[in-house]
């Protein structure tokens, strides 16, 4: 009976073939390691964010007068409301922590090189949409830090020569950040950006399954096949990868719930303490900082303290900050190395990747603390270190000596 029903569906919709191609029989490399878990964990967090976000939406009031009060109502009066809100805020931080790990894994193993250039670009668009979702969602509680962080970030558009002021008014919908601005960000956060994110993730998965997953050795697993045309160095996604993914999901959820229940503020990094105060446009917080996942780029913004060629330091800082995010998309065309994986690349690639990681973490710290002349100098130095990984890559990746790459994957 079940077979007849499935046959009926398959004659009208290739359901079984689609499930087998993209899930149960998808050929996954046999040497995938712990770094590859970030992808499936991102899907879990995406589900958490959508479900908790829908529930929060039922009680949220997107007005300047009622937004902060509605958050307090959710936290204090709605049954289990505080858990759902903490689930959403913890999920936002988990999303960015995982996507940074996911991107770093791609950088280590050369997952942006041919034929995965488009896969990397679509992944970068996913990250960009997450940044926009993170910012719009950060403003919605309408607390002190939400309001003033929005003030700082939006004012950057006003620094653009000639069109800045008009563009700023168009973005805010008013001459000042007001309820109209909040309504616009609310519409973006709950409608446009989630729809765009789902579409881009769908394209990302399609592109991944078309070119196949990369592996820690960076070798082509499709090169050697058995008599049935199945790559020798792969295994079916189900049940092998599914089983250890379920174990990883369980461990992750324990860690996630520990933060959500016992450390929901994250020491002021997940939810800033000043954001428990209602927005007040007449009272500026002592130290305005964005969420922790934006702090490396915020440090780049503050590192530029001098004008050049008549362009203001604020505008130049904005350009550097935007470039710090945008430059990832150019990686497939910057890397001239004949090998993909960092395991076989030369000492220069390993040095500059290490420099990038150190620079990213130091900039993240500098962006979260109050500026000083010494810290600004450090931010300038590590901003140079951050960009040197990308801008010098065409040189050091082309001329360094690499190790020989094996024909097939190596199990270790």
Protein backbone atom coordinates (compact mmCIF):
# COMPACT_ATOMS: atom_id res chain seq x y z
CA UNK A 1 0.00 0.00 0.00
CA UNK A 2 2.76 2.42 0.98
CA UNK A 3 4.70 1.52 -2.18
CA UNK A 4 1.64 2.21 -4.34
CA UNK A 5 1.15 5.62 -2.71
CA UNK A 6 4.82 6.52 -3.18
CA UNK A 7 4.69 5.38 -6.81
CA UNK A 8 1.64 7.58 -7.34
CA UNK A 9 3.50 10.59 -5.97
CA UNK A 10 6.70 9.78 -7.89
CA UNK A 11 4.78 9.67 -11.16
CA UNK A 12 3.63 13.23 -10.55
CA UNK A 13 6.46 14.60 -8.39
CA UNK A 14 10.00 13.13 -8.23
CA UNK A 15 9.85 12.95 -4.45
CA UNK A 16 11.84 9.77 -3.89
CA UNK A 17 14.52 10.68 -6.44
CA UNK A 18 14.92 14.13 -4.89
CA UNK A 19 15.25 12.72 -1.35
CA UNK A 20 17.80 10.16 -2.51
CA UNK A 21 19.87 12.67 -4.49
CA UNK A 22 19.94 15.44 -1.90
CA UNK A 23 19.73 13.47 1.35
CA UNK A 24 19.87 9.71 1.77
CA UNK A 25 22.24 8.81 -1.08
CA UNK A 26 24.12 12.09 -1.33
CA UNK A 27 27.83 11.11 -1.65
CA UNK A 28 29.70 12.72 1.24
CA UNK A 29 33.52 12.49 1.41
CA UNK A 30 34.67 9.84 3.86
CA UNK A 31 37.21 12.13 5.56
CA UNK A 32 34.92 14.96 6.64
CA UNK A 33 35.85 16.12 10.13
CA UNK A 34 34.41 18.19 12.98
CA UNK A 35 34.73 21.43 11.00
CA UNK A 36 31.94 20.25 8.71
CA UNK A 37 29.40 20.13 11.54
CA UNK A 38 28.82 23.89 11.45
CA UNK A 39 26.68 23.57 8.31
CA UNK A 40 24.09 21.22 9.81
CA UNK A 41 24.11 23.14 13.11
CA UNK A 42 23.31 26.32 11.18
CA UNK A 43 20.18 24.60 9.87
CA UNK A 44 19.16 23.71 13.44
CA UNK A 45 19.67 27.29 14.62
CA UNK A 46 17.74 28.58 11.59
CA UNK A 47 14.76 26.46 12.65
CA UNK A 48 15.07 27.71 16.24
CA UNK A 49 15.14 31.32 15.06
CA UNK A 50 12.14 30.97 12.81
CA UNK A 51 10.00 29.23 15.43
CA UNK A 52 10.95 31.54 18.30
CA UNK A 53 10.67 34.59 16.03
CA UNK A 54 7.13 33.71 14.97
CA UNK A 55 6.12 33.31 18.59
CA UNK A 56 7.71 36.65 19.59
CA UNK A 57 5.98 38.32 16.65
CA UNK A 58 2.59 37.46 18.14
CA UNK A 59 3.22 39.71 21.15
CA UNK A 60 5.55 42.39 19.76
CA UNK A 61 4.33 45.92 19.03
CA UNK A 62 6.40 47.66 16.31
CA UNK A 63 5.93 51.24 17.47
CA UNK A 64 8.31 53.66 19.16
CA UNK A 65 5.87 54.01 22.03
CA UNK A 66 5.13 50.32 22.53
CA UNK A 67 8.15 48.30 21.35
CA UNK A 68 10.15 48.33 24.58
CA UNK A 69 7.00 47.82 26.70
CA UNK A 70 5.96 44.84 24.56
CA UNK A 71 9.36 43.21 25.15
CA UNK A 72 8.90 43.69 28.89
CA UNK A 73 5.40 42.23 28.60
CA UNK A 74 6.82 39.17 26.84
CA UNK A 75 9.53 38.79 29.46
CA UNK A 76 7.32 39.32 32.53
CA UNK A 77 3.71 38.45 31.77
CA UNK A 78 3.57 36.03 28.84
CA UNK A 79 3.84 32.42 29.97
CA UNK A 80 7.34 31.15 29.12
CA UNK A 81 7.90 34.38 27.21
CA UNK A 82 11.30 35.00 28.76
CA UNK A 83 12.47 31.55 27.60
CA UNK A 84 11.39 32.21 24.02
CA UNK A 85 13.08 35.61 24.00
CA UNK A 86 16.31 34.22 25.43
CA UNK A 87 16.11 31.38 22.91
CA UNK A 88 15.96 33.96 20.10
CA UNK A 89 18.80 36.13 21.41
CA UNK A 90 21.02 33.13 22.13
CA UNK A 91 20.19 31.79 18.68
CA UNK A 92 21.33 35.04 17.06
CA UNK A 93 24.76 34.75 18.68
CA UNK A 94 24.94 31.03 17.86
CA UNK A 95 24.10 31.81 14.24
CA UNK A 96 27.07 34.12 13.84
CA UNK A 97 29.47 31.93 15.82
CA UNK A 98 28.62 29.00 13.56
CA UNK A 99 28.74 30.92 10.30
CA UNK A 100 32.17 32.31 11.20
CA UNK A 101 33.36 28.74 11.85
CA UNK A 102 31.72 27.63 8.59
CA UNK A 103 33.47 30.39 6.63
CA UNK A 104 36.80 29.70 8.32
CA UNK A 105 36.56 26.03 7.38
CA UNK A 106 35.98 27.08 3.78
CA UNK A 107 39.05 29.30 3.93
CA UNK A 108 41.21 26.52 5.43
CA UNK A 109 40.25 23.88 2.90
CA UNK A 110 39.90 26.09 -0.17
CA UNK A 111 36.16 25.51 -0.58
CA UNK A 112 35.97 28.65 -2.70
CA UNK A 113 38.26 27.38 -5.47
CA UNK A 114 37.11 25.99 -8.81
CA UNK A 115 34.45 24.63 -9.30
CA UNK A 116 32.92 26.08 -6.09
CA UNK A 117 33.25 29.80 -6.82
CA UNK A 118 29.49 30.34 -7.14
CA UNK A 119 28.88 28.24 -4.02
CA UNK A 120 31.19 30.57 -2.07
CA UNK A 121 29.54 33.71 -3.49
CA UNK A 122 26.07 32.46 -2.56
CA UNK A 123 27.37 31.60 0.91
CA UNK A 124 28.72 35.14 1.24
CA UNK A 125 25.30 36.52 0.28
CA UNK A 126 23.85 34.35 3.04
CA UNK A 127 26.28 35.93 5.51
CA UNK A 128 25.38 39.41 4.27
CA UNK A 129 21.67 38.70 4.77
CA UNK A 130 22.43 37.42 8.28
CA UNK A 131 24.25 40.67 9.05
CA UNK A 132 21.20 42.63 7.92
CA UNK A 133 18.87 40.37 9.90
CA UNK A 134 21.09 40.72 12.95
CA UNK A 135 21.11 44.51 12.73
CA UNK A 136 17.37 44.91 12.14
CA UNK A 137 16.59 42.46 14.93
CA UNK A 138 18.98 44.22 17.30
CA UNK A 139 17.07 47.48 16.90
CA UNK A 140 13.58 46.03 17.45
CA UNK A 141 13.69 45.86 21.30
CA UNK A 142 14.08 49.68 21.22
CA UNK A 143 16.37 49.74 24.22
CA UNK A 144 19.10 52.29 24.80
CA UNK A 145 21.86 50.42 22.99
CA UNK A 146 19.50 49.36 20.19
CA UNK A 147 18.50 52.97 19.52
CA UNK A 148 21.98 54.47 19.68
CA UNK A 149 23.66 51.67 17.73
CA UNK A 150 21.10 52.28 14.99
CA UNK A 151 21.89 55.99 15.21
CA UNK A 152 25.61 55.38 14.75
CA UNK A 153 25.32 52.82 11.94
CA UNK A 154 22.68 54.72 9.97
CA UNK A 155 24.58 57.97 10.28
CA UNK A 156 27.40 56.38 8.29
CA UNK A 157 25.28 56.60 5.16
CA UNK A 158 25.06 60.33 5.75
CA UNK A 159 28.83 60.59 5.34
CA UNK A 160 28.69 59.56 1.67
CA UNK A 161 29.65 62.62 -0.41
CA UNK A 162 26.88 64.45 -2.32
CA UNK A 163 24.06 61.94 -1.74
CA UNK A 164 24.60 61.08 1.92
CA UNK A 165 22.02 63.31 3.60
CA UNK A 166 19.23 62.50 1.15
CA UNK A 167 20.07 58.79 1.34
CA UNK A 168 20.01 58.92 5.14
CA UNK A 169 16.54 60.49 5.18
CA UNK A 170 15.32 57.89 2.70
CA UNK A 171 16.66 55.02 4.83
CA UNK A 172 15.26 56.38 8.10
CA UNK A 173 11.99 57.52 6.55
CA UNK A 174 12.29 60.64 8.71
CA UNK A 175 14.73 63.36 9.65
CA UNK A 176 15.50 61.47 12.86
CA UNK A 177 15.33 57.82 13.90
CA UNK A 178 11.69 57.41 14.88
CA UNK A 179 8.77 55.02 14.87
CA UNK A 180 8.77 55.10 11.08
CA UNK A 181 12.35 53.81 11.09
CA UNK A 182 11.38 51.07 13.53
CA UNK A 183 8.46 50.04 11.31
CA UNK A 184 10.74 49.79 8.28
CA UNK A 185 13.27 47.66 10.13
CA UNK A 186 10.47 45.48 11.49
CA UNK A 187 9.11 44.85 7.97
CA UNK A 188 12.60 43.96 6.74
CA UNK A 189 13.28 41.67 9.69
CA UNK A 190 10.07 39.63 9.61
CA UNK A 191 9.19 39.59 5.89
CA UNK A 192 11.74 40.54 3.24
CA UNK A 193 15.01 39.35 4.77
CA UNK A 194 13.75 35.92 5.98
CA UNK A 195 12.25 35.21 2.55
CA UNK A 196 15.50 36.23 0.87
CA UNK A 197 17.50 34.11 3.34
CA UNK A 198 15.42 30.98 2.66
CA UNK A 199 15.77 31.47 -1.10
CA UNK A 200 19.55 31.97 -0.91
CA UNK A 201 20.05 28.97 1.42
CA UNK A 202 18.03 26.85 -1.03
CA UNK A 203 20.28 27.98 -3.90
CA UNK A 204 23.35 27.36 -1.71
CA UNK A 205 22.31 23.74 -1.07
CA UNK A 206 21.51 23.19 -4.76
CA UNK A 207 24.92 24.55 -5.76
CA UNK A 208 26.62 22.39 -3.11
CA UNK A 209 24.95 19.22 -4.33
CA UNK A 210 25.73 20.05 -7.94
CA UNK A 211 29.51 20.43 -7.49
CA UNK A 212 29.80 18.18 -4.44
CA UNK A 213 31.24 18.76 -0.98
CA UNK A 214 34.87 19.66 -0.54
CA UNK A 215 37.05 17.70 1.91
CA UNK A 216 40.04 18.40 4.21
CA UNK A 217 42.47 17.18 1.55
CA UNK A 218 40.93 19.32 -1.18
CA UNK A 219 41.03 16.46 -3.70
CA UNK A 220 38.33 15.59 -6.25
CA UNK A 221 36.44 12.63 -4.79
CA UNK A 222 34.57 12.14 -8.08
CA UNK A 223 37.76 11.18 -9.89
CA UNK A 224 37.75 7.51 -8.88
CA UNK A 225 34.46 5.60 -9.15
CA UNK A 226 33.31 2.01 -8.82
CA UNK A 227 31.53 -0.01 -11.50
CA UNK A 228 28.21 1.59 -10.56
CA UNK A 229 29.59 5.10 -10.98
CA UNK A 230 29.69 5.81 -7.23
CA UNK A 231 32.81 7.72 -6.07
CA UNK A 232 35.09 5.40 -4.10
CA UNK A 233 36.04 7.99 -1.49
CA UNK A 234 32.47 8.84 -0.48
CA UNK A 235 29.75 7.36 1.70
CA UNK A 236 25.95 7.85 1.64
CA UNK A 237 24.85 10.78 3.78
CA UNK A 238 22.31 8.46 5.42
CA UNK A 239 22.89 6.71 7.73
CA UNK A 240 26.60 7.48 8.23
CA UNK A 241 26.71 11.27 8.43
CA UNK A 242 23.20 11.53 9.85
CA UNK A 243 24.16 9.46 12.90
CA UNK A 244 27.18 11.51 13.93
CA UNK A 245 25.31 14.73 13.03
CA UNK A 246 22.56 13.75 15.49
CA UNK A 247 25.20 13.26 18.18
CA UNK A 248 26.69 16.68 17.40
CA UNK A 249 23.24 18.29 17.46
CA UNK A 250 22.61 16.79 20.90
CA UNK A 251 25.89 18.15 22.29
CA UNK A 252 25.25 21.54 20.69
CA UNK A 253 21.72 21.78 22.15
CA UNK A 254 23.08 21.01 25.63
CA UNK A 255 25.57 23.86 25.27
CA UNK A 256 22.89 26.11 23.73
CA UNK A 257 20.40 25.46 26.55
CA UNK A 258 23.10 25.98 29.20
CA UNK A 259 23.66 29.52 27.90
CA UNK A 260 19.95 30.15 27.39
CA UNK A 261 18.92 29.11 30.90
CA UNK A 262 21.94 30.03 33.03
CA UNK A 263 23.81 32.79 31.14
CA UNK A 264 21.19 34.44 28.88
CA UNK A 265 22.95 37.81 28.94
CA UNK A 266 26.27 36.22 28.01
CA UNK A 267 28.11 38.58 30.35
CA UNK A 268 26.68 41.55 28.48
CA UNK A 269 27.69 40.23 25.05
CA UNK A 270 24.47 38.43 24.08
CA UNK A 271 22.23 41.13 25.60
CA UNK A 272 23.92 44.37 26.67
CA UNK A 273 22.91 45.44 30.17
CA UNK A 274 22.15 48.98 29.04
CA UNK A 275 19.61 47.55 26.60
CA UNK A 276 17.33 46.79 29.55
CA UNK A 277 16.67 50.55 29.61
CA UNK A 278 14.11 52.09 27.26
CA UNK A 279 15.44 54.15 24.34
CA UNK A 280 16.04 57.79 25.22
CA UNK A 281 17.17 60.13 22.44
CA UNK A 282 18.29 62.70 25.02
CA UNK A 283 20.62 60.36 26.91
CA UNK A 284 23.61 58.88 25.09
CA UNK A 285 25.13 55.69 26.58
CA UNK A 286 28.65 56.12 27.89
CA UNK A 287 30.03 53.60 25.39
CA UNK A 288 28.14 52.65 22.23
CA UNK A 289 29.03 49.22 20.85
CA UNK A 290 27.30 46.85 18.43
CA UNK A 291 26.72 43.15 19.07
CA UNK A 292 29.90 41.11 19.50
CA UNK A 293 29.67 39.62 16.01
CA UNK A 294 30.06 43.07 14.43
CA UNK A 295 32.85 44.33 16.67
CA UNK A 296 35.77 43.43 14.34
CA UNK A 297 34.27 45.63 11.63
CA UNK A 298 33.33 48.33 14.13
CA UNK A 299 37.00 48.45 15.19
CA UNK A 300 37.96 48.97 11.52
CA UNK A 301 35.48 51.85 11.35
CA UNK A 302 37.01 53.53 14.40
CA UNK A 303 40.57 52.85 13.21
CA UNK A 304 40.29 55.51 10.51
CA UNK A 305 40.75 58.82 12.31
CA UNK A 306 42.10 61.07 9.54
CA UNK A 307 40.70 62.49 6.29
CA UNK A 308 42.29 61.70 2.91
CA UNK A 309 41.87 63.74 -0.31
CA UNK A 310 39.07 65.75 1.23
CA UNK A 311 37.09 62.66 2.23
CA UNK A 312 36.02 62.62 5.86
CA UNK A 313 37.43 60.08 8.31
CA UNK A 314 33.87 58.91 8.99
CA UNK A 315 33.26 58.09 5.34
CA UNK A 316 36.65 56.41 4.92
CA UNK A 317 35.99 54.34 8.04
CA UNK A 318 32.66 53.32 6.56
CA UNK A 319 34.39 52.26 3.33
CA UNK A 320 37.01 50.22 5.21
CA UNK A 321 34.34 48.55 7.35
CA UNK A 322 32.24 47.67 4.28
CA UNK A 323 35.36 46.44 2.46
CA UNK A 324 36.17 44.18 5.41
CA UNK A 325 32.88 42.37 4.79
CA UNK A 326 32.82 42.58 0.99
CA UNK A 327 36.36 41.33 0.37
CA UNK A 328 35.40 37.75 1.26
CA UNK A 329 33.50 37.48 -2.01
CA UNK A 330 36.73 37.99 -3.99
CA UNK A 331 38.57 35.00 -2.44
CA UNK A 332 38.03 32.61 -5.40
CA UNK A 333 39.87 35.03 -7.69
CA UNK A 334 42.56 36.14 -5.25
CA UNK A 335 43.88 32.65 -4.47
CA UNK A 336 46.36 31.53 -7.17
CA UNK A 337 47.52 28.42 -5.31
CA UNK A 338 47.56 25.13 -7.24
CA UNK A 339 46.25 23.32 -4.14
CA UNK A 340 43.14 23.89 -2.06
CA UNK A 341 43.72 22.64 1.46
CA UNK A 342 45.86 24.45 4.01
CA UNK A 343 47.33 21.00 4.78
CA UNK A 344 49.32 21.15 1.53
CA UNK A 345 49.79 24.90 1.08
CA UNK A 346 53.10 26.56 1.83
CA UNK A 347 54.29 28.40 4.91
CA UNK A 348 53.17 31.82 3.62
CA UNK A 349 49.53 30.76 3.31
CA UNK A 350 49.63 29.32 6.82
CA UNK A 351 51.24 32.48 8.20
CA UNK A 352 48.76 34.88 6.59
CA UNK A 353 45.75 32.76 7.55
CA UNK A 354 47.03 32.75 11.15
CA UNK A 355 47.53 36.52 10.93
CA UNK A 356 43.96 36.90 9.69
CA UNK A 357 42.58 34.88 12.63
CA UNK A 358 44.62 36.83 15.20
CA UNK A 359 43.63 40.14 13.59
CA UNK A 360 39.95 39.17 13.58
CA UNK A 361 39.94 38.32 17.29
CA UNK A 362 41.99 41.35 18.33
CA UNK A 363 39.76 43.66 16.28
CA UNK A 364 36.74 41.99 17.87
CA UNK A 365 38.08 42.87 21.31
CA UNK A 366 39.06 46.43 20.33
CA UNK A 367 35.60 47.02 18.88
CA UNK A 368 33.95 46.06 22.17
CA UNK A 369 35.89 48.42 24.46
CA UNK A 370 36.13 52.18 24.76
CA UNK A 371 38.65 53.71 22.33
CA UNK A 372 41.96 55.24 23.35
CA UNK A 373 45.00 56.42 21.35
CA UNK A 374 46.85 53.14 22.01
CA UNK A 375 43.83 51.00 21.13
CA UNK A 376 43.23 53.02 17.97
CA UNK A 377 46.83 52.40 16.91
CA UNK A 378 46.40 48.69 17.56
CA UNK A 379 43.17 48.71 15.53
CA UNK A 380 45.02 50.32 12.61
CA UNK A 381 47.83 47.74 12.79
CA UNK A 382 45.48 44.76 12.92
CA UNK A 383 43.24 46.20 10.22
CA UNK A 384 46.29 46.14 7.96
CA UNK A 385 46.97 42.56 9.11
CA UNK A 386 43.37 41.60 8.32
CA UNK A 387 43.46 42.98 4.78
CA UNK A 388 46.98 41.72 4.06
CA UNK A 389 45.66 38.14 4.07
CA UNK A 390 43.42 39.01 1.11
CA UNK A 391 45.36 41.66 -0.78
CA UNK A 392 48.71 39.83 -0.74
CA UNK A 393 47.15 36.46 -1.53
CA UNK A 394 47.70 36.70 -5.33
CA UNK A 395 51.44 36.99 -4.61
CA UNK A 396 52.18 34.60 -1.77
CA UNK A 397 49.75 31.90 -2.96
CA UNK A 398 51.29 31.89 -6.44
CA UNK A 399 54.98 31.74 -5.56
CA UNK A 400 55.09 29.66 -2.37
CA UNK A 401 56.20 26.03 -2.35
CA UNK A 402 53.36 23.58 -1.70
CA UNK A 403 53.37 19.95 -0.64
CA UNK A 404 52.33 17.27 -3.16
CA UNK A 405 48.60 16.53 -3.05
CA UNK A 406 47.52 12.86 -2.98
CA UNK A 407 45.22 11.51 -5.68
CA UNK A 408 42.71 10.22 -3.12
CA UNK A 409 41.57 11.35 0.31
CA UNK A 410 43.75 10.49 3.28
CA UNK A 411 42.22 9.04 6.45
CA UNK A 412 44.01 10.01 9.63
